[in-house]
Protein backbone atom coordinates (compact mmCIF):
# COMPACT_ATOMS: atom_id res chain seq x y z
CA MET A 1 -7.35 12.14 0.16
CA ARG A 2 -11.12 11.91 -0.62
CA GLY A 3 -13.20 9.06 -1.52
CA GLY A 4 -16.35 8.77 -3.38
CA GLY A 5 -19.02 11.54 -2.77
CA GLY A 6 -16.29 14.04 -1.44
CA ARG A 7 -16.01 12.11 1.94
CA PRO A 8 -12.53 11.70 3.29
CA TRP A 9 -10.99 8.24 2.94
CA ARG A 10 -10.61 6.18 6.13
CA ARG A 11 -7.47 4.84 7.34
CA LEU A 12 -7.29 1.26 6.33
CA ARG A 13 -6.45 -0.81 9.69
CA GLN A 14 -6.62 -4.41 8.50
CA VAL A 15 -7.80 -6.57 5.25
CA GLY A 16 -8.79 -10.08 5.98
CA HIS A 17 -9.45 -11.24 2.51
CA ALA A 18 -9.77 -9.50 -1.18
CA THR A 19 -10.20 -11.12 -4.54
CA LEU A 20 -9.28 -8.82 -7.59
CA ALA A 21 -9.64 -9.53 -11.23
CA VAL A 22 -6.87 -7.75 -13.25
CA ARG A 23 -6.00 -7.71 -16.74
CA ASP A 24 -2.00 -7.94 -16.29
CA LEU A 25 -1.49 -10.38 -13.39
CA GLY A 26 2.48 -9.88 -13.26
CA ARG A 27 2.10 -6.16 -13.37
CA ALA A 28 -0.54 -6.25 -10.35
CA ARG A 29 1.57 -8.53 -8.37
CA ASP A 30 4.53 -6.09 -8.78
CA LEU A 31 2.35 -2.95 -8.02
CA TYR A 32 1.12 -4.43 -4.62
CA ALA A 33 4.29 -5.88 -3.72
CA ARG A 34 5.80 -2.35 -4.21
CA VAL A 35 2.95 0.01 -2.85
CA ALA A 36 1.26 -2.12 -0.24
CA ASN A 37 4.22 -4.30 0.69
CA LEU A 38 2.66 -7.44 0.03
CA VAL A 39 4.73 -10.84 -0.40
CA PRO A 40 3.67 -13.44 -2.83
CA THR A 41 3.02 -16.64 -1.02
CA CYS A 42 1.71 -18.67 -3.80
CA GLU A 43 1.56 -18.44 -7.46
CA GLU A 44 -0.18 -20.45 -10.06
CA PRO A 45 -1.19 -19.83 -13.55
CA GLY A 46 -3.70 -17.08 -13.71
CA ARG A 47 -3.57 -16.64 -9.61
CA VAL A 48 -1.19 -15.02 -7.16
CA LEU A 49 -1.90 -15.20 -3.36
CA LEU A 50 -0.24 -12.11 -1.48
CA ARG A 51 -0.06 -11.30 2.14
CA SER A 52 1.44 -8.79 4.45
CA GLN A 53 4.50 -9.34 6.35
CA PHE A 54 2.57 -9.12 9.68
CA GLU A 55 1.20 -12.27 11.12
CA HIS A 56 -2.47 -12.14 12.29
CA HIS A 57 -2.54 -15.32 14.64
């Protein structure tokens, strides 16, 4: 797989924190749960917190 500029993507090892703005929160939550294997930890109106299934501490 190639990234921007024709360079190969690097293998992602760990993400500490990411904030994403999406149009359809429900679809985004389902996508990241299915594709990235993230699980919801908190859901509030207009906001969902997801985490991996691996503890980092």
